[in-house]
Protein backbone atom coordinates (compact mmCIF):
# COMPACT_ATOMS: atom_id res chain seq x y z
CA MET A 1 0.00 0.00 0.00
CA ARG A 2 1.08 3.57 -0.72
CA GLY A 3 1.17 6.39 1.80
CA LEU A 4 2.31 6.46 5.39
CA LYS A 5 2.22 3.21 7.35
CA ASP A 6 2.53 4.19 10.98
CA ILE A 7 0.76 1.03 12.10
CA ASP A 8 1.97 1.17 15.71
CA TYR A 9 0.51 4.67 16.05
CA VAL A 10 -2.84 3.50 14.66
CA LEU A 11 -3.06 0.41 16.86
CA ALA A 12 -2.24 2.46 19.96
CA LYS A 13 -4.81 5.11 19.01
CA LEU A 14 -7.47 2.44 18.42
CA ALA A 15 -6.74 0.88 21.81
CA VAL A 16 -7.23 4.21 23.57
CA MET A 17 -10.42 4.95 21.65
CA ARG A 18 -11.89 1.57 22.53
CA ALA A 19 -10.90 1.88 26.20
CA GLU A 20 -12.51 5.34 26.44
CA ARG A 21 -15.56 4.32 24.34
CA ILE A 22 -14.83 6.94 21.70
CA TRP A 23 -14.80 4.68 18.62
CA PRO A 24 -15.88 2.18 17.29
CA ASN A 25 -17.90 1.59 20.47
CA GLY A 26 -19.06 5.21 20.85
CA LEU A 27 -21.85 7.25 19.28
CA ARG A 28 -22.34 6.67 15.58
CA TYR A 29 -21.45 9.42 13.07
CA LEU A 30 -21.49 8.49 9.40
CA TRP A 31 -18.43 10.45 8.23
CA THR A 32 -16.27 9.05 11.00
CA ASP A 33 -17.60 5.54 10.48
CA ALA A 34 -16.85 5.69 6.74
CA PHE A 35 -13.20 6.57 7.34
CA GLY A 36 -13.06 4.05 10.18
CA LEU A 37 -14.45 1.29 7.99
CA VAL A 38 -11.72 1.88 5.40
CA LEU A 39 -9.16 1.91 8.21
CA LEU A 40 -10.28 -1.48 9.56
CA VAL A 41 -10.20 -3.08 6.12
CA SER A 42 -6.77 -1.54 5.47
CA LEU A 43 -5.47 -3.01 8.73
CA TYR A 44 -6.82 -6.39 7.70
CA GLU A 45 -4.98 -6.15 4.37
CA GLU A 46 -1.75 -5.01 6.03
CA LEU A 47 -1.67 -7.34 9.04
CA LYS A 48 -3.78 -10.29 7.81
CA GLU A 49 -5.56 -10.47 11.16
CA ARG A 50 -9.16 -11.62 10.77
CA ARG A 51 -10.36 -9.56 13.74
CA PHE A 52 -10.14 -6.36 11.71
CA LEU A 53 -12.34 -7.71 8.92
CA ASP A 54 -14.80 -9.07 11.48
CA GLU A 55 -14.93 -5.67 13.16
CA ALA A 56 -15.53 -3.99 9.78
CA VAL A 57 -18.53 -6.26 9.20
CA TRP A 58 -19.78 -5.51 12.72
CA LEU A 59 -19.39 -1.77 12.10
CA VAL A 60 -21.57 -1.84 8.99
CA ALA A 61 -24.27 -3.68 10.92
CA GLU A 62 -24.09 -1.11 13.73
CA VAL A 63 -24.31 1.85 11.35
CA GLU A 64 -27.35 0.32 9.69
CA ARG A 65 -28.95 -0.54 13.03
CA VAL A 66 -28.47 2.90 14.57
CA LEU A 67 -28.47 5.28 11.60
CA GLY A 68 -30.17 3.31 8.84
CA ARG A 69 -33.51 4.55 7.57
CA LYS A 70 -36.03 3.17 5.07
CA ARG A 71 -34.03 5.02 2.42
CA GLY A 72 -30.53 6.23 3.19
CA ILE A 73 -28.57 6.75 6.39
CA ARG A 74 -28.93 9.51 8.99
CA ILE A 75 -25.98 11.86 9.60
CA GLY A 76 -25.33 10.84 13.19
CA GLU A 77 -26.74 9.44 16.40
CA GLU A 78 -26.89 12.61 18.46
CA PRO A 79 -30.14 14.66 18.33
CA ASP A 80 -28.60 17.57 16.41
CA ARG A 81 -27.26 15.30 13.68
CA ASP A 82 -30.56 14.71 11.95
CA GLY A 83 -31.16 14.60 8.22
CA GLN A 84 -28.90 13.14 5.55
CA TYR A 85 -25.79 14.63 3.90
CA PHE A 86 -25.02 13.41 0.40
CA HIS A 87 -21.24 13.75 0.82
CA TYR A 88 -21.36 11.59 3.95
CA LEU A 89 -23.40 8.98 2.10
CA ALA A 90 -20.94 9.06 -0.81
CA MET A 91 -18.03 8.48 1.57
CA TRP A 92 -19.92 5.54 3.06
CA LEU A 93 -20.45 4.16 -0.46
CA PHE A 94 -16.71 4.39 -1.03
CA ALA A 95 -16.08 2.51 2.22
CA LEU A 96 -18.56 -0.20 1.20
CA SER A 97 -16.74 -0.58 -2.11
CA VAL A 98 -13.50 -1.16 -0.18
CA LEU A 99 -15.09 -3.78 2.07
CA GLY A 100 -16.77 -5.25 -1.00
CA GLY A 101 -13.33 -6.13 -2.34
CA TYR A 102 -13.17 -8.76 0.40
CA VAL A 103 -16.85 -9.59 0.96
CA PRO A 104 -18.71 -9.04 -2.34
CA SER A 105 -22.14 -8.70 -0.76
CA TYR A 106 -21.11 -5.31 0.61
CA ARG A 107 -20.53 -4.00 -2.88
CA GLU A 108 -24.09 -5.02 -3.72
CA LYS A 109 -25.25 -3.27 -0.55
CA GLY A 110 -23.52 -0.11 -1.72
CA ILE A 111 -25.07 -0.28 -5.18
CA ALA A 112 -28.54 -0.64 -3.67
CA LEU A 113 -27.94 2.35 -1.37
CA ALA A 114 -26.69 4.48 -4.28
CA ARG A 115 -29.88 3.75 -6.22
CA ASP A 116 -32.03 4.60 -3.20
CA ILE A 117 -30.49 8.00 -2.53
CA HIS A 118 -29.67 9.23 -6.03
CA GLY A 119 -33.14 10.29 -7.10
CA PRO A 120 -34.04 12.32 -4.00
CA PHE A 121 -30.71 14.17 -3.88
CA VAL A 122 -30.03 14.86 -7.56
CA VAL A 123 -31.72 17.58 -9.60
CA GLN A 124 -30.76 16.40 -13.06
CA GLY A 125 -28.64 18.89 -14.97
CA SER A 126 -28.47 21.30 -12.04
CA GLY A 127 -26.84 19.89 -8.89
CA VAL A 128 -26.92 17.63 -5.86
CA ILE A 129 -28.76 18.84 -2.77
CA TRP A 130 -26.38 19.09 0.16
CA LYS A 131 -28.71 18.11 3.02
CA MET A 132 -32.05 16.30 2.85
CA LYS A 133 -34.70 15.64 5.45
CA GLU A 134 -34.27 12.36 7.27
CA ASP A 135 -36.95 10.57 5.24
CA LEU A 136 -35.59 12.07 1.98
CA SER A 137 -38.96 13.74 1.35
CA GLY A 138 -37.27 17.03 0.45
CA PRO A 139 -34.33 19.35 1.12
CA CYS A 140 -33.75 20.63 4.62
CA PRO A 141 -34.80 24.31 4.77
CA GLY A 142 -31.99 26.63 3.82
CA TYR A 143 -29.86 24.03 2.02
CA ASP A 144 -29.09 24.26 -1.68
CA PHE A 145 -26.67 22.38 -3.93
CA GLY A 146 -23.34 21.19 -2.56
CA ALA A 147 -20.23 22.32 -4.42
CA LEU A 148 -18.45 18.94 -4.29
CA ASP A 149 -21.36 16.54 -4.01
CA ALA A 150 -21.58 15.62 -7.70
CA PHE A 151 -17.86 14.80 -7.67
CA ASP A 152 -18.35 12.70 -4.51
CA GLY A 153 -21.13 10.70 -6.10
CA TYR A 154 -19.38 10.34 -9.45
CA VAL A 155 -16.26 8.83 -7.88
CA SER A 156 -18.08 6.54 -5.45
CA TYR A 157 -20.55 5.31 -8.06
CA ARG A 158 -17.81 4.49 -10.53
CA LEU A 159 -15.81 2.59 -7.94
CA LEU A 160 -18.90 0.59 -6.98
CA ASP A 161 -20.21 -0.42 -10.41
CA GLU A 162 -19.46 1.35 -13.70
CA GLN A 163 -22.12 -0.56 -15.65
CA GLY A 164 -24.84 -1.02 -13.05
CA LEU A 165 -24.81 2.67 -12.10
CA ALA A 166 -24.16 4.00 -15.60
CA ARG A 167 -27.26 6.25 -15.65
CA GLU A 168 -26.49 7.74 -12.25
CA ILE A 169 -22.83 8.23 -13.19
CA GLY A 170 -23.88 10.03 -16.37
CA GLU A 171 -26.10 12.42 -14.43
CA MET A 172 -23.26 13.22 -12.04
CA ARG A 173 -20.86 13.76 -14.92
CA GLU A 174 -23.28 16.19 -16.55
CA ILE A 175 -23.25 18.32 -13.38
CA ILE A 176 -19.46 18.09 -13.10
CA ASP A 177 -19.00 19.26 -16.67
CA LYS A 178 -21.17 22.30 -15.93
CA THR A 179 -19.52 23.28 -12.64
CA ALA A 180 -15.87 22.16 -12.58
CA GLY A 181 -14.52 25.04 -14.63
CA GLU A 182 -15.84 27.74 -12.30
CA LEU A 183 -15.41 25.87 -9.02
CA VAL A 184 -12.86 27.42 -6.65
CA ILE A 185 -12.64 25.73 -3.25
CA SER A 186 -11.22 27.65 -0.31
CA GLN A 187 -12.05 25.44 2.71
CA ASP A 188 -9.32 23.12 3.97
CA LEU A 189 -11.26 19.84 4.15
CA GLY A 190 -13.04 20.50 0.87
CA LEU A 191 -9.67 21.03 -0.77
CA GLY A 192 -8.27 17.86 0.77
CA MET A 193 -11.21 15.78 -0.40
CA MET A 194 -11.14 17.23 -3.90
CA VAL A 195 -7.42 16.45 -4.23
CA TRP A 196 -8.17 12.96 -2.86
CA MET A 197 -10.85 12.41 -5.52
CA THR A 198 -8.59 13.46 -8.40
CA GLN A 199 -6.39 10.39 -7.86
CA PHE A 200 -9.00 7.96 -9.17
CA PHE A 201 -9.46 9.39 -12.68
CA PRO A 202 -6.42 11.67 -12.93
CA GLU A 203 -6.49 12.20 -16.70
CA GLU A 204 -10.05 13.54 -16.82
CA CYS A 205 -10.25 17.29 -17.43
CA TRP A 206 -12.03 18.10 -14.17
CA ALA A 207 -9.38 16.20 -12.20
CA VAL A 208 -6.45 17.89 -13.93
CA LEU A 209 -7.96 21.33 -13.37
CA GLN A 210 -9.12 20.81 -9.79
CA LYS A 211 -5.90 19.15 -8.67
CA ARG A 212 -3.84 22.09 -9.91
CA ARG A 213 -6.24 24.69 -8.56
CA SER A 214 -6.66 22.98 -5.18
CA LEU A 215 -2.96 22.43 -4.57
CA ALA A 216 -2.30 26.09 -5.37
CA MET A 217 -4.94 27.16 -2.86
CA LEU A 218 -3.55 24.83 -0.20
CA ASN A 219 -0.11 26.30 -0.77
CA ARG A 220 -1.57 29.72 0.05
CA MET A 221 -3.20 28.35 3.21
CA TRP A 222 -0.11 26.73 4.73
CA VAL A 223 0.97 28.32 8.00
CA GLU A 224 4.64 27.75 8.84
CA GLU A 225 3.77 26.86 12.41
CA GLY A 226 2.71 23.50 10.98
CA TYR A 227 -0.87 23.48 9.73
CA PHE A 228 -3.28 24.44 6.95
CA ALA A 229 -5.63 27.30 7.86
CA ARG A 230 -9.37 26.71 7.68
CA GLU A 231 -9.70 29.38 4.95
CA PRO A 232 -7.09 31.59 3.28
CA TYR A 233 -8.46 34.64 5.11
CA LEU A 234 -8.50 32.87 8.53
CA PRO A 235 -4.82 32.05 9.17
CA GLU A 236 -5.31 31.54 12.91
CA LEU A 237 -8.23 29.11 12.60
CA ARG A 238 -7.22 25.44 12.48
CA PHE A 239 -8.87 22.07 13.03
CA ALA A 240 -7.05 18.81 13.50
CA PHE A 241 -9.57 16.60 11.70
CA THR A 242 -9.72 18.82 8.62
CA ASN A 243 -5.92 18.95 8.41
CA TYR A 244 -5.86 15.16 8.57
CA GLY A 245 -8.26 15.15 5.63
CA VAL A 246 -5.88 17.42 3.73
CA SER A 247 -3.07 15.00 4.60
CA VAL A 248 -4.97 12.11 3.04
CA GLY A 249 -5.55 14.13 -0.13
CA LEU A 250 -1.91 15.14 -0.39
CA GLN A 251 -0.73 11.56 0.11
CA ALA A 252 -3.16 10.44 -2.60
CA VAL A 253 -1.35 12.54 -5.19
CA GLY A 254 2.15 12.45 -3.68
CA ALA A 255 2.26 16.17 -2.91
CA MET A 256 3.85 18.17 -0.07
CA PRO A 257 5.17 15.19 1.94
CA ASP A 258 7.11 17.48 4.26
CA ARG A 259 3.93 19.33 5.19
CA VAL A 260 2.09 16.05 5.80
CA ALA A 261 4.80 15.08 8.29
CA ARG A 262 4.75 18.49 9.93
CA LEU A 263 0.99 18.69 10.38
CA ASN A 264 0.92 15.17 11.85
CA ALA A 265 3.53 16.25 14.39
CA TYR A 266 1.83 19.59 15.06
CA PHE A 267 -1.61 18.16 15.83
CA GLU A 268 -0.21 15.39 17.99
CA ALA A 269 0.62 18.10 20.52
CA TYR A 270 -2.09 20.67 19.68
CA ARG A 271 -5.22 20.91 21.85
CA SER A 272 -8.16 23.04 20.80
CA GLY A 273 -9.73 23.10 24.26
CA ASP A 274 -13.17 22.17 22.92
CA GLU A 275 -15.13 19.00 22.14
CA TYR A 276 -12.89 18.16 19.19
CA ASP A 277 -10.05 17.12 21.49
CA ARG A 278 -12.03 14.00 22.40
CA ALA A 279 -14.27 13.64 19.36
CA ALA A 280 -14.04 10.40 17.40
CA ILE A 281 -13.72 12.31 14.12
CA THR A 282 -10.41 13.80 15.29
CA HIS A 283 -8.87 10.48 16.30
CA VAL A 284 -10.15 8.36 13.40
CA MET A 285 -8.98 10.98 10.90
CA ALA A 286 -5.61 11.03 12.68
CA CYS A 287 -5.36 7.29 12.06
CA SER A 288 -6.24 7.82 8.39
CA SER A 289 -3.51 10.47 8.09
CA HIS A 290 -0.91 8.15 9.61
CA PHE A 291 -2.10 5.14 7.62
CA PRO A 292 -4.42 5.99 4.67
CA GLY A 293 -4.32 2.42 3.34
CA TRP A 294 -7.20 1.78 0.92
CA LEU A 295 -8.06 5.48 0.87
CA LEU A 296 -5.26 5.67 -1.68
CA ARG A 297 -5.55 4.19 -5.14
CA GLN A 298 -3.26 1.17 -5.23
């Protein structure tokens, strides 16, 4: 596998999270669980220990039990994490495609989920709604199209099933072709995820353009203290979990390895003094930064 392989760090972090009931035995949150699922499968591939694959299967069952709805998957378990985000669902589809490489039924599960959510979220030829009501009956008030959501769906759908999801992929590509040229991302995690997505189809025009544009923006947002700012106009604002997402994107395309190392070191000592210090998203994303595994195209 490409990317960093700090396995000892990851195993120690997982042990602490389990002992403190942070993850995977804490409250469910779909974004965190998607990255965590890829992490468990990557550990299985690297170490050949069956317990990691068994835990990945258990995790999917828990996500479906706690967050699963008649159509789609709720954002998170806590009361204020209602509704459904398309980009979270797309990340979960990617994770299911990874697990499906070992247990094929999970690929089929992902394909079925993609078909369930596509129609409610996608306005053909226009965009993908960012947040829907929990029953997918309509958009949540105040939410419009997401800037990256069509890219998220396009990549995840193609990795799941090029032929079976051909219609859905075509609809996503139509939106991408309309929006990629004008799209300028300035948020750290959005930039990291866009760079991450460009690795899968690197010769396509949108990927060439967005990789170049996103790396240039990230270069502007680097703070020499050892982190990427949240936005180019907010140099003092930093989040560990978003920087770890940037790290994954940079490792996916082999860019800025010195900055990846520096931000990993910086956030190992940094404390924000808020809920993110303990939050599962911070620690699972830290593991992904130190060992991206199947997050990277092999």
